[in-house]
Amino acid sequence: MKLTAVLFPAIHGEKDLPLGIIYIAQKLYELGFNVKIVDLNLFLDKGEVDLRDLRRVVEQADLIGFSSYRSTIQADASIMWSIKDFMKDEAIMICGGWGPTLNPDLYLEVCPADIMVRGVHMQALEILELLTRFIRGEIAIEQVKGITARVGDTLLNTPLPMVPAEIPRVKWELIDRFGVDPHQYVEEGTILVPVLGALAPCPRYLSGMGCIYCSMARIVSEYQKIYGNSFHLVKERLARFDHDRVVDDIK
């Protein structure tokens, strides 16, 4: 049976779509999911979202995934509780990102998510593979790496998987299937970012061997192909590099 996953980026008040969400959607697609990305940030300046449309999307899902920054936990938790009301009983809600990685216990306390996915999104790719096997009844939850979850009265913390030796390429041709239009993120100088999401997981970068620039160059060259004549707007956004927000989150 084909499973359906719906992914929600963090409610951070900016019209940016972290590249990590695309990687995760791509991985779930490869694992046999129908994948839909619902970016509520695009509706923040347009008033309320049509809850009937949202309900229709969520009711079909076997897996609901949220990303969250520690600084956006209140907004994210509020949305999660609203979404929970629309979910079918057997569906699973997961949450990953800066916040759940740094404070998984706190997130389990205030959010209705069943499982916290820890680590950078490159580690999440292996975690999602194991999580899918758990959802399909092939392995026990204790065998899923990189998660924090309540199992009965016990708090389960499993070890993180290794970061992969190579960062996979973004399969841009799949983005339409996920309901994402990259050109929506050119408005007001905002784009599909942060590029940092494509850099941080690189093993050579983490070990201080300095491949940050070649990683940047690869992603920027891909942006040139995707955005074409709009790339001059994209350059303005890349120049700012999301530095301030990322540094604030790290603090």
C-alpha atoms as a PDB file:
ATOM      1  CA  MET A   1       0.000   0.000   0.000  1.00  0.00           C
ATOM      2  CA  LYS A   2       1.317   3.459  -0.924  1.00  0.00           C
ATOM      3  CA  LEU A   3       1.758   5.721   2.117  1.00  0.00           C
ATOM      4  CA  THR A   4       1.139   9.471   2.154  1.00  0.00           C
ATOM      5  CA  ALA A   5       3.318  12.039   3.949  1.00  0.00           C
ATOM      6  CA  VAL A   6       2.548  15.727   4.536  1.00  0.00           C
ATOM      7  CA  LEU A   7       5.436  18.000   5.576  1.00  0.00           C
ATOM      8  CA  PHE A   8       5.103  21.382   7.307  1.00  0.00           C
ATOM      9  CA  PRO A   9       8.098  23.777   7.457  1.00  0.00           C
ATOM     10  CA  ALA A  10       8.504  25.785  10.689  1.00  0.00           C
ATOM     11  CA  ILE A  11       6.241  28.810  11.201  1.00  0.00           C
ATOM     12  CA  HIS A  12       9.124  31.298  11.325  1.00  0.00           C
ATOM     13  CA  GLY A  13       7.508  34.358   9.772  1.00  0.00           C
ATOM     14  CA  GLU A  14       9.724  34.383   6.676  1.00  0.00           C
ATOM     15  CA  LYS A  15       8.925  33.159   3.200  1.00  0.00           C
ATOM     16  CA  ASP A  16      11.925  30.842   2.973  1.00  0.00           C
ATOM     17  CA  LEU A  17      11.747  27.107   2.410  1.00  0.00           C
ATOM     18  CA  PRO A  18      14.747  25.331   3.990  1.00  0.00           C
ATOM     19  CA  LEU A  19      16.475  23.099   1.484  1.00  0.00           C
ATOM     20  CA  GLY A  20      16.425  20.294   4.067  1.00  0.00           C
ATOM     21  CA  ILE A  21      12.653  19.924   3.594  1.00  0.00           C
ATOM     22  CA  ILE A  22      13.236  19.165  -0.086  1.00  0.00           C
ATOM     23  CA  TYR A  23      15.844  16.519   0.772  1.00  0.00           C
ATOM     24  CA  ILE A  24      13.437  14.898   3.246  1.00  0.00           C
ATOM     25  CA  ALA A  25      10.528  14.995   0.774  1.00  0.00           C
ATOM     26  CA  GLN A  26      12.792  13.460  -1.857  1.00  0.00           C
ATOM     27  CA  LYS A  27      13.823  10.646   0.508  1.00  0.00           C
ATOM     28  CA  LEU A  28      10.225   9.861   1.475  1.00  0.00           C
ATOM     29  CA  TYR A  29       9.274   9.796  -2.211  1.00  0.00           C
ATOM     30  CA  GLU A  30      12.080   7.288  -2.856  1.00  0.00           C
ATOM     31  CA  LEU A  31      10.715   5.203   0.048  1.00  0.00           C
ATOM     32  CA  GLY A  32       7.347   4.955  -1.700  1.00  0.00           C
ATOM     33  CA  PHE A  33       5.371   7.830  -0.142  1.00  0.00           C
ATOM     34  CA  ASN A  34       3.091  10.280  -1.879  1.00  0.00           C
ATOM     35  CA  VAL A  35       4.577  13.524  -0.525  1.00  0.00           C
ATOM     36  CA  LYS A  36       2.978  16.953  -0.110  1.00  0.00           C
ATOM     37  CA  ILE A  37       4.708  20.037   1.322  1.00  0.00           C
ATOM     38  CA  VAL A  38       2.346  22.577   2.921  1.00  0.00           C
ATOM     39  CA  ASP A  39       4.236  25.816   3.597  1.00  0.00           C
ATOM     40  CA  LEU A  40       1.991  27.885   5.869  1.00  0.00           C
ATOM     41  CA  ASN A  41       4.528  30.752   5.828  1.00  0.00           C
ATOM     42  CA  LEU A  42       3.246  31.665   2.362  1.00  0.00           C
ATOM     43  CA  PHE A  43      -0.165  32.492   3.870  1.00  0.00           C
ATOM     44  CA  LEU A  44       1.003  34.602   6.814  1.00  0.00           C
ATOM     45  CA  ASP A  45       0.371  37.934   5.069  1.00  0.00           C
ATOM     46  CA  LYS A  46      -2.839  36.771   3.368  1.00  0.00           C
ATOM     47  CA  GLY A  47      -4.994  36.110   6.408  1.00  0.00           C
ATOM     48  CA  GLU A  48      -6.220  32.687   7.475  1.00  0.00           C
ATOM     49  CA  VAL A  49      -5.581  29.420   5.683  1.00  0.00           C
ATOM     50  CA  ASP A  50      -8.656  27.572   4.371  1.00  0.00           C
ATOM     51  CA  LEU A  51      -8.976  24.889   7.052  1.00  0.00           C
ATOM     52  CA  ARG A  52     -11.246  22.763   4.872  1.00  0.00           C
ATOM     53  CA  ASP A  53      -8.476  22.378   2.281  1.00  0.00           C
ATOM     54  CA  LEU A  54      -5.953  21.701   5.038  1.00  0.00           C
ATOM     55  CA  ARG A  55      -8.207  19.061   6.606  1.00  0.00           C
ATOM     56  CA  ARG A  56      -8.579  17.282   3.243  1.00  0.00           C
ATOM     57  CA  VAL A  57      -4.797  17.057   2.868  1.00  0.00           C
ATOM     58  CA  VAL A  58      -4.095  15.962   6.457  1.00  0.00           C
ATOM     59  CA  GLU A  59      -6.887  13.359   6.629  1.00  0.00           C
ATOM     60  CA  GLN A  60      -5.186  11.347   3.881  1.00  0.00           C
ATOM     61  CA  ALA A  61      -1.763  11.294   5.553  1.00  0.00           C
ATOM     62  CA  ASP A  62      -0.105   8.301   7.203  1.00  0.00           C
ATOM     63  CA  LEU A  63       2.813  10.492   8.303  1.00  0.00           C
ATOM     64  CA  ILE A  64       2.749  14.168   9.295  1.00  0.00           C
ATOM     65  CA  GLY A  65       6.151  15.846   9.582  1.00  0.00           C
ATOM     66  CA  PHE A  66       7.012  19.235  11.084  1.00  0.00           C
ATOM     67  CA  SER A  67      10.290  21.113  11.127  1.00  0.00           C
ATOM     68  CA  SER A  68      10.801  23.522  14.017  1.00  0.00           C
ATOM     69  CA  TYR A  69      13.335  26.033  15.307  1.00  0.00           C
ATOM     70  CA  ARG A  70      13.712  26.290  19.057  1.00  0.00           C
ATOM     71  CA  SER A  71      12.709  29.958  18.841  1.00  0.00           C
ATOM     72  CA  THR A  72       9.415  29.094  17.090  1.00  0.00           C
ATOM     73  CA  ILE A  73       8.199  26.339  19.424  1.00  0.00           C
ATOM     74  CA  GLN A  74       5.045  28.194  20.547  1.00  0.00           C
ATOM     75  CA  ALA A  75       3.805  28.870  17.013  1.00  0.00           C
ATOM     76  CA  ASP A  76       4.764  25.388  15.828  1.00  0.00           C
ATOM     77  CA  ALA A  77       3.088  23.660  18.801  1.00  0.00           C
ATOM     78  CA  SER A  78      -0.102  25.640  18.222  1.00  0.00           C
ATOM     79  CA  ILE A  79      -0.240  24.520  14.579  1.00  0.00           C
ATOM     80  CA  MET A  80       0.576  20.913  15.523  1.00  0.00           C
ATOM     81  CA  TRP A  81      -2.332  20.752  17.970  1.00  0.00           C
ATOM     82  CA  SER A  82      -4.682  22.110  15.280  1.00  0.00           C
ATOM     83  CA  ILE A  83      -3.419  19.588  12.724  1.00  0.00           C
ATOM     84  CA  LYS A  84      -3.735  16.727  15.246  1.00  0.00           C
ATOM     85  CA  ASP A  85      -7.525  17.163  15.204  1.00  0.00           C
ATOM     86  CA  PHE A  86      -7.569  16.398  11.456  1.00  0.00           C
ATOM     87  CA  MET A  87      -5.352  13.282  11.556  1.00  0.00           C
ATOM     88  CA  LYS A  88      -6.656   9.750  11.235  1.00  0.00           C
ATOM     89  CA  ASP A  89      -6.119   7.649  14.375  1.00  0.00           C
ATOM     90  CA  GLU A  90      -3.335   5.447  13.011  1.00  0.00           C
ATOM     91  CA  ALA A  91      -1.288   8.322  11.513  1.00  0.00           C
ATOM     92  CA  ILE A  92       2.050   9.279  13.090  1.00  0.00           C
ATOM     93  CA  MET A  93       3.262  12.834  13.719  1.00  0.00           C
ATOM     94  CA  ILE A  94       7.009  13.491  13.775  1.00  0.00           C
ATOM     95  CA  CYS A  95       8.956  16.679  14.409  1.00  0.00           C
ATOM     96  CA  GLY A  96      12.566  17.507  13.531  1.00  0.00           C
ATOM     97  CA  GLY A  97      14.871  20.496  13.178  1.00  0.00           C
ATOM     98  CA  TRP A  98      16.934  22.713  15.488  1.00  0.00           C
ATOM     99  CA  GLY A  99      14.375  22.682  18.303  1.00  0.00           C
ATOM    100  CA  PRO A 100      13.659  18.940  18.597  1.00  0.00           C
ATOM    101  CA  THR A 101      17.383  18.182  18.234  1.00  0.00           C
ATOM    102  CA  LEU A 102      18.401  20.515  21.075  1.00  0.00           C
ATOM    103  CA  ASN A 103      15.353  20.039  23.325  1.00  0.00           C
ATOM    104  CA  PRO A 104      13.533  16.805  22.416  1.00  0.00           C
ATOM    105  CA  ASP A 105      12.105  16.367  25.940  1.00  0.00           C
ATOM    106  CA  LEU A 106      10.627  19.874  25.928  1.00  0.00           C
ATOM    107  CA  TYR A 107       9.059  19.311  22.516  1.00  0.00           C
ATOM    108  CA  LEU A 108       7.493  16.036  23.643  1.00  0.00           C
ATOM    109  CA  GLU A 109       6.047  17.920  26.609  1.00  0.00           C
ATOM    110  CA  VAL A 110       4.399  20.774  24.695  1.00  0.00           C
ATOM    111  CA  CYS A 111       3.735  19.280  21.231  1.00  0.00           C
ATOM    112  CA  PRO A 112       1.437  16.421  20.214  1.00  0.00           C
ATOM    113  CA  ALA A 113       4.123  14.805  18.015  1.00  0.00           C
ATOM    114  CA  ASP A 114       4.691  11.087  18.643  1.00  0.00           C
ATOM    115  CA  ILE A 115       8.375  11.081  17.706  1.00  0.00           C
ATOM    116  CA  MET A 116      11.180  13.665  17.715  1.00  0.00           C
ATOM    117  CA  VAL A 117      13.721  13.227  14.919  1.00  0.00           C
ATOM    118  CA  ARG A 118      17.134  14.538  16.004  1.00  0.00           C
ATOM    119  CA  GLY A 119      20.207  15.579  14.021  1.00  0.00           C
ATOM    120  CA  VAL A 120      20.832  17.423  10.763  1.00  0.00           C
ATOM    121  CA  HIS A 121      18.668  16.586   7.787  1.00  0.00           C
ATOM    122  CA  MET A 122      21.369  14.418   6.195  1.00  0.00           C
ATOM    123  CA  GLN A 123      21.155  12.147   9.256  1.00  0.00           C
ATOM    124  CA  ALA A 124      17.368  12.309   8.977  1.00  0.00           C
ATOM    125  CA  LEU A 125      17.547  10.530   5.625  1.00  0.00           C
ATOM    126  CA  GLU A 126      18.661   7.276   7.282  1.00  0.00           C
ATOM    127  CA  ILE A 127      16.314   7.875  10.226  1.00  0.00           C
ATOM    128  CA  LEU A 128      13.359   8.169   7.824  1.00  0.00           C
ATOM    129  CA  GLU A 129      14.334   4.924   6.134  1.00  0.00           C
ATOM    130  CA  LEU A 130      14.209   3.120   9.488  1.00  0.00           C
ATOM    131  CA  LEU A 131      11.056   4.982  10.531  1.00  0.00           C
ATOM    132  CA  THR A 132       9.315   3.844   7.349  1.00  0.00           C
ATOM    133  CA  ARG A 133      10.209   0.235   8.164  1.00  0.00           C
ATOM    134  CA  PHE A 134       8.726   0.773  11.646  1.00  0.00           C
ATOM    135  CA  ILE A 135       5.507   2.233  10.181  1.00  0.00           C
ATOM    136  CA  ARG A 136       5.239  -0.807   7.900  1.00  0.00           C
ATOM    137  CA  GLY A 137       5.651  -3.129  10.895  1.00  0.00           C
ATOM    138  CA  GLU A 138       9.040  -4.517   9.791  1.00  0.00           C
ATOM    139  CA  ILE A 139      11.095  -3.420  12.835  1.00  0.00           C
ATOM    140  CA  ALA A 140      10.525  -2.293  16.442  1.00  0.00           C
ATOM    141  CA  ILE A 141      10.660   1.398  17.334  1.00  0.00           C
ATOM    142  CA  GLU A 142      13.805   0.742  19.415  1.00  0.00           C
ATOM    143  CA  GLN A 143      15.645  -0.058  16.167  1.00  0.00           C
ATOM    144  CA  VAL A 144      14.982   3.395  14.695  1.00  0.00           C
ATOM    145  CA  LYS A 145      18.111   5.538  15.131  1.00  0.00           C
ATOM    146  CA  GLY A 146      18.129   9.226  16.046  1.00  0.00           C
ATOM    147  CA  ILE A 147      14.728   9.526  17.705  1.00  0.00           C
ATOM    148  CA  THR A 148      13.261  10.509  21.061  1.00  0.00           C
ATOM    149  CA  ALA A 149       9.826   9.088  21.854  1.00  0.00           C
ATOM    150  CA  ARG A 150       7.639   7.994  24.740  1.00  0.00           C
ATOM    151  CA  VAL A 151       7.186   4.219  24.804  1.00  0.00           C
ATOM    152  CA  GLY A 152       4.738   3.474  27.596  1.00  0.00           C
ATOM    153  CA  ASP A 153       6.160   5.171  30.690  1.00  0.00           C
ATOM    154  CA  THR A 154       9.709   5.207  29.293  1.00  0.00           C
ATOM    155  CA  LEU A 155      11.500   7.956  27.366  1.00  0.00           C
ATOM    156  CA  LEU A 156      13.300   6.300  24.461  1.00  0.00           C
ATOM    157  CA  ASN A 157      16.471   7.978  23.130  1.00  0.00           C
ATOM    158  CA  THR A 158      18.245   6.121  20.330  1.00  0.00           C
ATOM    159  CA  PRO A 159      21.771   6.973  19.070  1.00  0.00           C
ATOM    160  CA  LEU A 160      22.179   9.203  16.028  1.00  0.00           C
ATOM    161  CA  PRO A 161      23.207   7.611  12.732  1.00  0.00           C
ATOM    162  CA  MET A 162      26.443   8.631  11.028  1.00  0.00           C
ATOM    163  CA  VAL A 163      26.394  11.534   8.582  1.00  0.00           C
ATOM    164  CA  PRO A 164      26.575  10.037   5.056  1.00  0.00           C
ATOM    165  CA  ALA A 165      29.883  10.194   3.210  1.00  0.00           C
ATOM    166  CA  GLU A 166      28.335  12.181   0.380  1.00  0.00           C
ATOM    167  CA  ILE A 167      25.540  14.740   0.166  1.00  0.00           C
ATOM    168  CA  PRO A 168      22.966  13.580  -2.406  1.00  0.00           C
ATOM    169  CA  ARG A 169      21.945  15.958  -5.150  1.00  0.00           C
ATOM    170  CA  VAL A 170      18.580  17.664  -5.048  1.00  0.00           C
ATOM    171  CA  LYS A 171      16.269  16.134  -7.663  1.00  0.00           C
ATOM    172  CA  TRP A 172      14.695  19.386  -8.771  1.00  0.00           C
ATOM    173  CA  GLU A 173      12.455  17.589 -11.266  1.00  0.00           C
ATOM    174  CA  LEU A 174      10.485  16.119  -8.332  1.00  0.00           C
ATOM    175  CA  ILE A 175       9.576  19.452  -6.729  1.00  0.00           C
ATOM    176  CA  ASP A 176       6.321  19.872  -8.675  1.00  0.00           C
ATOM    177  CA  ARG A 177       5.138  16.540  -7.272  1.00  0.00           C
ATOM    178  CA  PHE A 178       5.542  17.930  -3.738  1.00  0.00           C
ATOM    179  CA  GLY A 179       3.364  20.972  -4.468  1.00  0.00           C
ATOM    180  CA  VAL A 180       6.278  23.426  -4.354  1.00  0.00           C
ATOM    181  CA  ASP A 181       6.983  26.170  -6.889  1.00  0.00           C
ATOM    182  CA  PRO A 182      10.529  27.546  -6.388  1.00  0.00           C
ATOM    183  CA  HIS A 183       9.475  30.808  -8.020  1.00  0.00           C
ATOM    184  CA  GLN A 184       7.115  31.522  -5.110  1.00  0.00           C
ATOM    185  CA  TYR A 185      10.259  32.095  -3.081  1.00  0.00           C
ATOM    186  CA  VAL A 186      11.663  34.878  -5.270  1.00  0.00           C
ATOM    187  CA  GLU A 187       9.064  37.409  -4.057  1.00  0.00           C
ATOM    188  CA  GLU A 188      10.526  40.268  -2.033  1.00  0.00           C
ATOM    189  CA  GLY A 189      14.014  38.859  -2.490  1.00  0.00           C
ATOM    190  CA  THR A 190      13.295  35.576  -0.699  1.00  0.00           C
ATOM    191  CA  ILE A 191      14.092  32.169  -2.149  1.00  0.00           C
ATOM    192  CA  LEU A 192      14.487  28.497  -1.428  1.00  0.00           C
ATOM    193  CA  VAL A 193      17.077  28.731   1.356  1.00  0.00           C
ATOM    194  CA  PRO A 194      19.085  28.474   3.548  1.00  0.00           C
ATOM    195  CA  VAL A 195      22.044  27.253   1.558  1.00  0.00           C
ATOM    196  CA  LEU A 196      23.429  26.448   5.012  1.00  0.00           C
ATOM    197  CA  GLY A 197      21.136  23.428   5.037  1.00  0.00           C
ATOM    198  CA  ALA A 198      23.162  21.973   2.190  1.00  0.00           C
ATOM    199  CA  LEU A 199      26.495  22.689   3.876  1.00  0.00           C
ATOM    200  CA  ALA A 200      26.239  21.760   7.541  1.00  0.00           C
ATOM    201  CA  PRO A 201      25.851  18.007   7.020  1.00  0.00           C
ATOM    202  CA  CYS A 202      28.947  17.642   4.843  1.00  0.00           C
ATOM    203  CA  PRO A 203      31.442  15.371   6.685  1.00  0.00           C
ATOM    204  CA  ARG A 204      34.467  17.277   5.382  1.00  0.00           C
ATOM    205  CA  TYR A 205      32.909  20.551   6.545  1.00  0.00           C
ATOM    206  CA  LEU A 206      32.096  19.107   9.989  1.00  0.00           C
ATOM    207  CA  SER A 207      35.649  17.826  10.406  1.00  0.00           C
ATOM    208  CA  GLY A 208      37.108  21.241   9.573  1.00  0.00           C
ATOM    209  CA  MET A 209      38.511  20.261   6.179  1.00  0.00           C
ATOM    210  CA  GLY A 210      36.866  23.225   4.520  1.00  0.00           C
ATOM    211  CA  CYS A 211      34.649  22.165   1.630  1.00  0.00           C
ATOM    212  CA  ILE A 212      32.044  24.816   2.473  1.00  0.00           C
ATOM    213  CA  TYR A 213      32.804  26.817  -0.679  1.00  0.00           C
ATOM    214  CA  CYS A 214      32.521  23.939  -3.136  1.00  0.00           C
ATOM    215  CA  SER A 215      29.228  22.938  -1.498  1.00  0.00           C
ATOM    216  CA  MET A 216      27.985  26.514  -1.871  1.00  0.00           C
ATOM    217  CA  ALA A 217      29.087  26.635  -5.490  1.00  0.00           C
ATOM    218  CA  ARG A 218      27.221  23.441  -6.320  1.00  0.00           C
ATOM    219  CA  ILE A 219      23.932  24.623  -4.832  1.00  0.00           C
ATOM    220  CA  VAL A 220      24.253  28.128  -6.302  1.00  0.00           C
ATOM    221  CA  SER A 221      24.886  26.663  -9.757  1.00  0.00           C
ATOM    222  CA  GLU A 222      21.709  24.594  -9.346  1.00  0.00           C
ATOM    223  CA  TYR A 223      19.783  27.730  -8.340  1.00  0.00           C
ATOM    224  CA  GLN A 224      21.005  29.397 -11.551  1.00  0.00           C
ATOM    225  CA  LYS A 225      19.410  26.628 -13.617  1.00  0.00           C
ATOM    226  CA  ILE A 226      16.155  26.584 -11.621  1.00  0.00           C
ATOM    227  CA  TYR A 227      15.573  30.340 -11.426  1.00  0.00           C
ATOM    228  CA  GLY A 228      16.891  31.353 -14.853  1.00  0.00           C
ATOM    229  CA  ASN A 229      16.065  35.017 -15.523  1.00  0.00           C
ATOM    230  CA  SER A 230      15.024  35.523 -11.877  1.00  0.00           C
ATOM    231  CA  PHE A 231      18.479  34.619 -10.575  1.00  0.00           C
ATOM    232  CA  HIS A 232      19.409  38.316 -10.127  1.00  0.00           C
ATOM    233  CA  LEU A 233      16.762  38.440  -7.354  1.00  0.00           C
ATOM    234  CA  VAL A 234      18.068  35.222  -5.891  1.00  0.00           C
ATOM    235  CA  LYS A 235      21.595  36.655  -5.671  1.00  0.00           C
ATOM    236  CA  GLU A 236      20.386  39.410  -3.333  1.00  0.00           C
ATOM    237  CA  ARG A 237      18.966  36.809  -0.963  1.00  0.00           C
ATOM    238  CA  LEU A 238      22.049  34.591  -1.113  1.00  0.00           C
ATOM    239  CA  ALA A 239      24.244  37.549  -0.230  1.00  0.00           C
ATOM    240  CA  ARG A 240      22.488  37.780   3.148  1.00  0.00           C
ATOM    241  CA  PHE A 241      22.871  34.008   3.597  1.00  0.00           C
ATOM    242  CA  ASP A 242      20.359  33.794   6.458  1.00  0.00           C
ATOM    243  CA  HIS A 243      23.297  34.469   8.762  1.00  0.00           C
ATOM    244  CA  ASP A 244      21.500  36.360  11.527  1.00  0.00           C
ATOM    245  CA  ARG A 245      18.656  33.898  11.980  1.00  0.00           C
ATOM    246  CA  VAL A 246      20.934  30.862  11.979  1.00  0.00           C
ATOM    247  CA  VAL A 247      23.295  32.444  14.530  1.00  0.00           C
ATOM    248  CA  ASP A 248      20.336  33.374  16.763  1.00  0.00           C
ATOM    249  CA  ASP A 249      19.078  29.786  16.653  1.00  0.00           C
ATOM    250  CA  ILE A 250      22.517  28.406  17.499  1.00  0.00           C
ATOM    251  CA  LYS A 251      22.691  30.730  20.528  1.00  0.00           C
END
